[in-house]
Amino acid sequence: MVKRETSEIDISESIPDLWQLLTPEQRELLNKNYTIQKFKKNETIYCEGETPMHMMCLLSGKVKIYKEGVGGRSQIIRVIKDKEYFAYRAYFAEENFVTAAAAFEPCSICMIPMPFIMDLLKENNELALFFIRQLSVDLGVSDERTVSLTQKHIRGRLAESLLFLKDTYGVEEDQCTLSIYLSREDLANLSNMTTSNAIRTLSNFAAEKLITIDGRKIKIIEEDKLKKISKIG
């Protein structure tokens, strides 16, 4: 893990949703309490079972939240995008992390000590409501994915994962290529299937001209048809 360093970035632009809810005094305190930490590609950000100490906000890069499963297989629970907050739920619940996090690619993360966040919450009702909304949204997304990953067939799960990645990270300038290059193993872990099944299903989608594949680059050609496959399950 690389050494933490205080950044010269404008924190107000890096975490705007939270910043705008703070009083001038609280903003001044925040400026003294945050650090920026950089992670290399595939580097672990936190481990399952660790004690949470910081709320994190992804400033750049991409992060996966995952849980180790049976036989060494892992399940990607969700992915984190720019300006998204994570790693704070376990602290609120007074428990250790039940998941792990790692960098899909080099990333920078704003780290704010959770005891400091708790002090802010005690005196700022708007900030408390902000976190209630964030947790509520995350719970809703988690519920939807639980149903999808356990009830849909392989084609429906993979189609949904491709659309999920598009909605989360967007596309490149061609408006088709996903702006994230996942390994087949990560794509399988996101879709709750074996790597071999993910490779075979991707090849079938390509043969049906729903997508095109160039290494780890995936271009969505027929988004409406993928949506139908996802809904049929």
C-alpha atoms as a PDB file:
ATOM      1  CA  MET A   1       0.000   0.000   0.000  1.00  0.00           C
ATOM      2  CA  VAL A   2       1.423   3.352  -0.968  1.00  0.00           C
ATOM      3  CA  LYS A   3       2.054   6.078   1.528  1.00  0.00           C
ATOM      4  CA  ARG A   4      -0.758   8.489   2.250  1.00  0.00           C
ATOM      5  CA  GLU A   5      -0.200  12.046   1.189  1.00  0.00           C
ATOM      6  CA  THR A   6      -2.143  15.244   1.587  1.00  0.00           C
ATOM      7  CA  SER A   7      -3.192  16.493  -1.820  1.00  0.00           C
ATOM      8  CA  GLU A   8      -3.252  20.004  -3.170  1.00  0.00           C
ATOM      9  CA  ILE A   9      -6.496  19.338  -5.035  1.00  0.00           C
ATOM     10  CA  ASP A  10      -9.541  21.480  -4.372  1.00  0.00           C
ATOM     11  CA  ILE A  11     -11.524  19.286  -2.010  1.00  0.00           C
ATOM     12  CA  SER A  12     -14.698  21.265  -2.706  1.00  0.00           C
ATOM     13  CA  GLU A  13     -14.616  20.038  -6.316  1.00  0.00           C
ATOM     14  CA  SER A  14     -13.602  16.502  -5.393  1.00  0.00           C
ATOM     15  CA  ILE A  15     -16.477  15.785  -3.000  1.00  0.00           C
ATOM     16  CA  PRO A  16     -19.084  18.408  -3.988  1.00  0.00           C
ATOM     17  CA  ASP A  17     -22.160  16.541  -2.660  1.00  0.00           C
ATOM     18  CA  LEU A  18     -20.759  16.406   0.843  1.00  0.00           C
ATOM     19  CA  TRP A  19     -18.949  19.757   0.747  1.00  0.00           C
ATOM     20  CA  GLN A  20     -22.053  21.802  -0.032  1.00  0.00           C
ATOM     21  CA  LEU A  21     -23.816  20.461   3.074  1.00  0.00           C
ATOM     22  CA  LEU A  22     -21.119  21.691   5.461  1.00  0.00           C
ATOM     23  CA  THR A  23     -20.905  24.974   7.307  1.00  0.00           C
ATOM     24  CA  PRO A  24     -17.820  27.180   6.760  1.00  0.00           C
ATOM     25  CA  GLU A  25     -16.417  25.973  10.078  1.00  0.00           C
ATOM     26  CA  GLN A  26     -16.957  22.332   9.162  1.00  0.00           C
ATOM     27  CA  ARG A  27     -15.321  22.865   5.786  1.00  0.00           C
ATOM     28  CA  GLU A  28     -12.273  24.290   7.489  1.00  0.00           C
ATOM     29  CA  LEU A  29     -12.078  21.241   9.746  1.00  0.00           C
ATOM     30  CA  LEU A  30     -12.483  18.891   6.802  1.00  0.00           C
ATOM     31  CA  ASN A  31      -9.588  20.571   5.028  1.00  0.00           C
ATOM     32  CA  LYS A  32      -7.409  19.594   7.976  1.00  0.00           C
ATOM     33  CA  ASN A  33      -8.640  16.006   8.254  1.00  0.00           C
ATOM     34  CA  TYR A  34      -8.660  14.423   4.811  1.00  0.00           C
ATOM     35  CA  THR A  35      -5.818  12.683   2.990  1.00  0.00           C
ATOM     36  CA  ILE A  36      -5.441  11.358  -0.525  1.00  0.00           C
ATOM     37  CA  GLN A  37      -4.256   7.811  -1.074  1.00  0.00           C
ATOM     38  CA  LYS A  38      -3.204   6.334  -4.410  1.00  0.00           C
ATOM     39  CA  PHE A  39      -3.572   2.664  -5.328  1.00  0.00           C
ATOM     40  CA  LYS A  40      -2.019   0.681  -8.150  1.00  0.00           C
ATOM     41  CA  LYS A  41      -3.971  -1.554 -10.517  1.00  0.00           C
ATOM     42  CA  ASN A  42      -5.291  -4.654  -8.689  1.00  0.00           C
ATOM     43  CA  GLU A  43      -4.044  -3.342  -5.334  1.00  0.00           C
ATOM     44  CA  THR A  44      -6.205  -4.144  -2.317  1.00  0.00           C
ATOM     45  CA  ILE A  45      -7.844  -1.104  -0.732  1.00  0.00           C
ATOM     46  CA  TYR A  46      -9.267  -2.883   2.293  1.00  0.00           C
ATOM     47  CA  CYS A  47      -9.749  -6.524   3.268  1.00  0.00           C
ATOM     48  CA  GLU A  48     -12.694  -8.493   4.540  1.00  0.00           C
ATOM     49  CA  GLY A  49     -12.573  -8.620   8.334  1.00  0.00           C
ATOM     50  CA  GLU A  50     -10.596  -5.392   8.765  1.00  0.00           C
ATOM     51  CA  THR A  51     -11.835  -2.660  11.074  1.00  0.00           C
ATOM     52  CA  PRO A  52     -13.147   0.344   9.114  1.00  0.00           C
ATOM     53  CA  MET A  53     -11.361   3.588   9.885  1.00  0.00           C
ATOM     54  CA  HIS A  54     -12.116   5.928   6.958  1.00  0.00           C
ATOM     55  CA  MET A  55     -14.940   6.910   4.703  1.00  0.00           C
ATOM     56  CA  MET A  56     -13.638   6.841   1.152  1.00  0.00           C
ATOM     57  CA  CYS A  57     -14.533   8.813  -1.960  1.00  0.00           C
ATOM     58  CA  LEU A  58     -13.182   7.701  -5.326  1.00  0.00           C
ATOM     59  CA  LEU A  59     -11.583  10.676  -7.087  1.00  0.00           C
ATOM     60  CA  SER A  60     -10.278   8.865 -10.158  1.00  0.00           C
ATOM     61  CA  GLY A  61     -10.025   5.315 -11.437  1.00  0.00           C
ATOM     62  CA  LYS A  62     -12.364   2.375 -10.859  1.00  0.00           C
ATOM     63  CA  VAL A  63     -12.912   0.167  -7.799  1.00  0.00           C
ATOM     64  CA  LYS A  64     -14.635  -3.164  -7.203  1.00  0.00           C
ATOM     65  CA  ILE A  65     -16.294  -4.254  -3.969  1.00  0.00           C
ATOM     66  CA  TYR A  66     -16.223  -8.033  -3.691  1.00  0.00           C
ATOM     67  CA  LYS A  67     -16.575 -10.997  -1.363  1.00  0.00           C
ATOM     68  CA  GLU A  68     -14.553 -14.186  -1.416  1.00  0.00           C
ATOM     69  CA  GLY A  69     -16.677 -17.264  -2.034  1.00  0.00           C
ATOM     70  CA  VAL A  70     -16.360 -21.029  -2.055  1.00  0.00           C
ATOM     71  CA  GLY A  71     -13.380 -22.568  -3.821  1.00  0.00           C
ATOM     72  CA  GLY A  72     -11.485 -19.316  -4.182  1.00  0.00           C
ATOM     73  CA  ARG A  73     -14.121 -17.733  -6.418  1.00  0.00           C
ATOM     74  CA  SER A  74     -15.106 -14.184  -5.588  1.00  0.00           C
ATOM     75  CA  GLN A  75     -18.350 -12.348  -6.205  1.00  0.00           C
ATOM     76  CA  ILE A  76     -18.213  -8.700  -7.233  1.00  0.00           C
ATOM     77  CA  ILE A  77     -20.928  -7.023  -5.175  1.00  0.00           C
ATOM     78  CA  ARG A  78     -20.781  -3.629  -6.853  1.00  0.00           C
ATOM     79  CA  VAL A  79     -18.436  -1.247  -8.630  1.00  0.00           C
ATOM     80  CA  ILE A  80     -17.542   2.299  -7.583  1.00  0.00           C
ATOM     81  CA  LYS A  81     -17.446   5.271  -9.939  1.00  0.00           C
ATOM     82  CA  ASP A  82     -15.997   8.786  -9.675  1.00  0.00           C
ATOM     83  CA  LYS A  83     -17.187  10.902  -6.738  1.00  0.00           C
ATOM     84  CA  GLU A  84     -18.908   7.909  -5.124  1.00  0.00           C
ATOM     85  CA  TYR A  85     -18.580   7.285  -1.365  1.00  0.00           C
ATOM     86  CA  PHE A  86     -17.911   3.849   0.091  1.00  0.00           C
ATOM     87  CA  ALA A  87     -16.404   1.916   3.034  1.00  0.00           C
ATOM     88  CA  TYR A  88     -18.506   3.673   5.687  1.00  0.00           C
ATOM     89  CA  ARG A  89     -21.451   1.264   6.177  1.00  0.00           C
ATOM     90  CA  ALA A  90     -19.504  -1.155   8.386  1.00  0.00           C
ATOM     91  CA  TYR A  91     -18.460   1.646  10.731  1.00  0.00           C
ATOM     92  CA  PHE A  92     -22.078   2.795  11.124  1.00  0.00           C
ATOM     93  CA  ALA A  93     -23.035  -0.824  11.848  1.00  0.00           C
ATOM     94  CA  GLU A  94     -20.199  -1.141  14.398  1.00  0.00           C
ATOM     95  CA  GLU A  95     -18.762  -4.171  12.631  1.00  0.00           C
ATOM     96  CA  ASN A  96     -15.740  -5.124  10.574  1.00  0.00           C
ATOM     97  CA  PHE A  97     -15.793  -5.092   6.783  1.00  0.00           C
ATOM     98  CA  VAL A  98     -17.847  -7.972   5.350  1.00  0.00           C
ATOM     99  CA  THR A  99     -16.458  -7.295   1.878  1.00  0.00           C
ATOM    100  CA  ALA A 100     -13.119  -6.344   0.344  1.00  0.00           C
ATOM    101  CA  ALA A 101     -12.217  -3.625  -2.152  1.00  0.00           C
ATOM    102  CA  ALA A 102      -9.564  -3.475  -4.865  1.00  0.00           C
ATOM    103  CA  ALA A 103      -8.578  -1.166  -7.708  1.00  0.00           C
ATOM    104  CA  PHE A 104      -9.631  -2.170 -11.226  1.00  0.00           C
ATOM    105  CA  GLU A 105      -7.066   0.382 -12.441  1.00  0.00           C
ATOM    106  CA  PRO A 106      -4.789   3.013 -10.827  1.00  0.00           C
ATOM    107  CA  CYS A 107      -6.945   5.226  -8.655  1.00  0.00           C
ATOM    108  CA  SER A 108      -6.919   8.074  -6.146  1.00  0.00           C
ATOM    109  CA  ILE A 109      -9.155   8.004  -3.097  1.00  0.00           C
ATOM    110  CA  CYS A 110     -10.037  10.715  -0.610  1.00  0.00           C
ATOM    111  CA  MET A 111      -9.858   9.293   2.921  1.00  0.00           C
ATOM    112  CA  ILE A 112     -11.807  10.956   5.750  1.00  0.00           C
ATOM    113  CA  PRO A 113     -11.568   9.519   9.285  1.00  0.00           C
ATOM    114  CA  MET A 114     -14.904   8.043  10.375  1.00  0.00           C
ATOM    115  CA  PRO A 115     -14.744   9.513  13.917  1.00  0.00           C
ATOM    116  CA  PHE A 116     -14.577  12.942  12.258  1.00  0.00           C
ATOM    117  CA  ILE A 117     -17.575  12.061  10.062  1.00  0.00           C
ATOM    118  CA  MET A 118     -19.492  10.967  13.168  1.00  0.00           C
ATOM    119  CA  ASP A 119     -18.783  14.304  14.835  1.00  0.00           C
ATOM    120  CA  LEU A 120     -20.139  16.109  11.763  1.00  0.00           C
ATOM    121  CA  LEU A 121     -23.277  13.972  11.721  1.00  0.00           C
ATOM    122  CA  LYS A 122     -24.088  14.806  15.330  1.00  0.00           C
ATOM    123  CA  GLU A 123     -24.319  18.503  14.512  1.00  0.00           C
ATOM    124  CA  ASN A 124     -25.460  18.482  10.879  1.00  0.00           C
ATOM    125  CA  ASN A 125     -28.911  17.027  10.135  1.00  0.00           C
ATOM    126  CA  GLU A 126     -28.600  17.604   6.384  1.00  0.00           C
ATOM    127  CA  LEU A 127     -25.435  15.527   6.300  1.00  0.00           C
ATOM    128  CA  ALA A 128     -27.161  12.742   8.249  1.00  0.00           C
ATOM    129  CA  LEU A 129     -30.006  12.711   5.718  1.00  0.00           C
ATOM    130  CA  PHE A 130     -27.450  12.588   2.908  1.00  0.00           C
ATOM    131  CA  PHE A 131     -25.979   9.349   4.267  1.00  0.00           C
ATOM    132  CA  ILE A 132     -29.424   7.864   4.903  1.00  0.00           C
ATOM    133  CA  ARG A 133     -30.260   8.473   1.244  1.00  0.00           C
ATOM    134  CA  GLN A 134     -26.937   7.012   0.095  1.00  0.00           C
ATOM    135  CA  LEU A 135     -27.418   3.858   2.167  1.00  0.00           C
ATOM    136  CA  SER A 136     -31.022   3.538   0.961  1.00  0.00           C
ATOM    137  CA  VAL A 137     -29.969   3.755  -2.687  1.00  0.00           C
ATOM    138  CA  ASP A 138     -27.199   1.200  -2.143  1.00  0.00           C
ATOM    139  CA  LEU A 139     -29.651  -1.172  -0.446  1.00  0.00           C
ATOM    140  CA  GLY A 140     -32.082  -0.882  -3.341  1.00  0.00           C
ATOM    141  CA  VAL A 141     -29.363  -1.625  -5.894  1.00  0.00           C
ATOM    142  CA  SER A 142     -28.168  -4.562  -3.787  1.00  0.00           C
ATOM    143  CA  ASP A 143     -31.690  -6.011  -3.610  1.00  0.00           C
ATOM    144  CA  GLU A 144     -32.120  -5.747  -7.381  1.00  0.00           C
ATOM    145  CA  ARG A 145     -28.780  -7.430  -8.066  1.00  0.00           C
ATOM    146  CA  THR A 146     -29.498 -10.221  -5.592  1.00  0.00           C
ATOM    147  CA  VAL A 147     -32.636 -11.165  -7.520  1.00  0.00           C
ATOM    148  CA  SER A 148     -30.880 -10.867 -10.884  1.00  0.00           C
ATOM    149  CA  LEU A 149     -27.841 -12.930  -9.928  1.00  0.00           C
ATOM    150  CA  THR A 150     -29.843 -15.732  -8.347  1.00  0.00           C
ATOM    151  CA  GLN A 151     -32.881 -16.036 -10.641  1.00  0.00           C
ATOM    152  CA  LYS A 152     -31.751 -15.108 -14.148  1.00  0.00           C
ATOM    153  CA  HIS A 153     -30.105 -17.503 -16.558  1.00  0.00           C
ATOM    154  CA  ILE A 154     -26.526 -17.008 -17.724  1.00  0.00           C
ATOM    155  CA  ARG A 155     -27.395 -14.957 -20.808  1.00  0.00           C
ATOM    156  CA  GLY A 156     -29.639 -12.646 -18.807  1.00  0.00           C
ATOM    157  CA  ARG A 157     -27.004 -12.162 -16.098  1.00  0.00           C
ATOM    158  CA  LEU A 158     -24.229 -11.330 -18.551  1.00  0.00           C
ATOM    159  CA  ALA A 159     -26.435  -8.983 -20.585  1.00  0.00           C
ATOM    160  CA  GLU A 160     -27.401  -7.176 -17.395  1.00  0.00           C
ATOM    161  CA  SER A 161     -23.756  -6.885 -16.321  1.00  0.00           C
ATOM    162  CA  LEU A 162     -22.765  -5.290 -19.638  1.00  0.00           C
ATOM    163  CA  LEU A 163     -25.615  -2.779 -19.351  1.00  0.00           C
ATOM    164  CA  PHE A 164     -24.731  -2.191 -15.680  1.00  0.00           C
ATOM    165  CA  LEU A 165     -21.143  -1.347 -16.638  1.00  0.00           C
ATOM    166  CA  LYS A 166     -22.373   1.007 -19.357  1.00  0.00           C
ATOM    167  CA  ASP A 167     -24.680   2.807 -16.920  1.00  0.00           C
ATOM    168  CA  THR A 168     -21.936   3.019 -14.276  1.00  0.00           C
ATOM    169  CA  TYR A 169     -18.859   3.986 -16.293  1.00  0.00           C
ATOM    170  CA  GLY A 170     -20.284   5.166 -19.600  1.00  0.00           C
ATOM    171  CA  VAL A 171     -18.776   4.678 -23.051  1.00  0.00           C
ATOM    172  CA  GLU A 172     -15.860   6.036 -25.049  1.00  0.00           C
ATOM    173  CA  GLU A 173     -16.061   8.637 -27.802  1.00  0.00           C
ATOM    174  CA  ASP A 174     -17.594   6.154 -30.247  1.00  0.00           C
ATOM    175  CA  GLN A 175     -20.616   5.962 -27.889  1.00  0.00           C
ATOM    176  CA  CYS A 176     -20.429   2.153 -27.971  1.00  0.00           C
ATOM    177  CA  THR A 177     -17.229   0.870 -26.333  1.00  0.00           C
ATOM    178  CA  LEU A 178     -17.470   0.381 -22.572  1.00  0.00           C
ATOM    179  CA  SER A 179     -15.140   2.716 -20.642  1.00  0.00           C
ATOM    180  CA  ILE A 180     -13.828  -0.149 -18.554  1.00  0.00           C
ATOM    181  CA  TYR A 181     -11.714  -3.080 -19.655  1.00  0.00           C
ATOM    182  CA  LEU A 182     -12.476  -6.053 -17.413  1.00  0.00           C
ATOM    183  CA  SER A 183     -10.732  -9.387 -17.407  1.00  0.00           C
ATOM    184  CA  ARG A 184     -13.008 -12.301 -18.261  1.00  0.00           C
ATOM    185  CA  GLU A 185     -12.634 -13.448 -14.646  1.00  0.00           C
ATOM    186  CA  ASP A 186     -13.860 -10.108 -13.290  1.00  0.00           C
ATOM    187  CA  LEU A 187     -16.760 -10.084 -15.743  1.00  0.00           C
ATOM    188  CA  ALA A 188     -17.666 -13.605 -14.601  1.00  0.00           C
ATOM    189  CA  ASN A 189     -17.421 -12.590 -10.943  1.00  0.00           C
ATOM    190  CA  LEU A 190     -19.689  -9.633 -11.627  1.00  0.00           C
ATOM    191  CA  SER A 191     -22.229 -11.921 -13.310  1.00  0.00           C
ATOM    192  CA  ASN A 192     -22.130 -14.818 -10.828  1.00  0.00           C
ATOM    193  CA  MET A 193     -20.847 -17.403 -13.289  1.00  0.00           C
ATOM    194  CA  THR A 194     -17.699 -19.327 -14.086  1.00  0.00           C
ATOM    195  CA  THR A 195     -15.053 -17.737 -16.275  1.00  0.00           C
ATOM    196  CA  SER A 196     -15.596 -20.387 -18.965  1.00  0.00           C
ATOM    197  CA  ASN A 197     -19.326 -19.616 -19.064  1.00  0.00           C
ATOM    198  CA  ALA A 198     -18.607 -15.882 -19.336  1.00  0.00           C
ATOM    199  CA  ILE A 199     -16.201 -16.462 -22.252  1.00  0.00           C
ATOM    200  CA  ARG A 200     -18.665 -18.744 -24.035  1.00  0.00           C
ATOM    201  CA  THR A 201     -21.622 -16.382 -23.552  1.00  0.00           C
ATOM    202  CA  LEU A 202     -19.600 -13.374 -24.693  1.00  0.00           C
ATOM    203  CA  SER A 203     -18.630 -15.288 -27.827  1.00  0.00           C
ATOM    204  CA  ASN A 204     -22.293 -16.118 -28.443  1.00  0.00           C
ATOM    205  CA  PHE A 205     -23.251 -12.441 -28.072  1.00  0.00           C
ATOM    206  CA  ALA A 206     -20.522 -11.535 -30.546  1.00  0.00           C
ATOM    207  CA  ALA A 207     -21.687 -14.220 -33.008  1.00  0.00           C
ATOM    208  CA  GLU A 208     -25.197 -12.789 -32.751  1.00  0.00           C
ATOM    209  CA  LYS A 209     -23.707  -9.347 -33.491  1.00  0.00           C
ATOM    210  CA  LEU A 210     -24.989  -7.908 -30.204  1.00  0.00           C
ATOM    211  CA  ILE A 211     -21.453  -6.862 -29.270  1.00  0.00           C
ATOM    212  CA  THR A 212     -17.961  -6.850 -30.726  1.00  0.00           C
ATOM    213  CA  ILE A 213     -14.873  -7.883 -28.768  1.00  0.00           C
ATOM    214  CA  ASP A 214     -11.312  -6.621 -29.127  1.00  0.00           C
ATOM    215  CA  GLY A 215      -9.227  -8.063 -26.301  1.00  0.00           C
ATOM    216  CA  ARG A 216     -10.731  -6.581 -23.151  1.00  0.00           C
ATOM    217  CA  LYS A 217     -12.600  -3.916 -25.087  1.00  0.00           C
ATOM    218  CA  ILE A 218     -16.312  -4.617 -25.467  1.00  0.00           C
ATOM    219  CA  LYS A 219     -18.439  -2.592 -27.862  1.00  0.00           C
ATOM    220  CA  ILE A 220     -22.206  -2.734 -27.447  1.00  0.00           C
ATOM    221  CA  ILE A 221     -23.863  -2.874 -30.867  1.00  0.00           C
ATOM    222  CA  GLU A 222     -27.460  -3.864 -30.082  1.00  0.00           C
ATOM    223  CA  GLU A 223     -28.293  -2.350 -26.690  1.00  0.00           C
ATOM    224  CA  ASP A 224     -32.068  -2.864 -27.064  1.00  0.00           C
ATOM    225  CA  LYS A 225     -31.601  -6.565 -27.742  1.00  0.00           C
ATOM    226  CA  LEU A 226     -29.328  -6.890 -24.706  1.00  0.00           C
ATOM    227  CA  LYS A 227     -32.034  -5.204 -22.628  1.00  0.00           C
ATOM    228  CA  LYS A 228     -34.581  -7.758 -23.845  1.00  0.00           C
ATOM    229  CA  ILE A 229     -32.237 -10.620 -22.995  1.00  0.00           C
ATOM    230  CA  SER A 230     -31.643  -9.101 -19.565  1.00  0.00           C
ATOM    231  CA  LYS A 231     -35.376  -8.784 -18.862  1.00  0.00           C
ATOM    232  CA  ILE A 232     -36.182 -12.273 -20.105  1.00  0.00           C
ATOM    233  CA  GLY A 233     -33.435 -13.610 -17.852  1.00  0.00           C
END
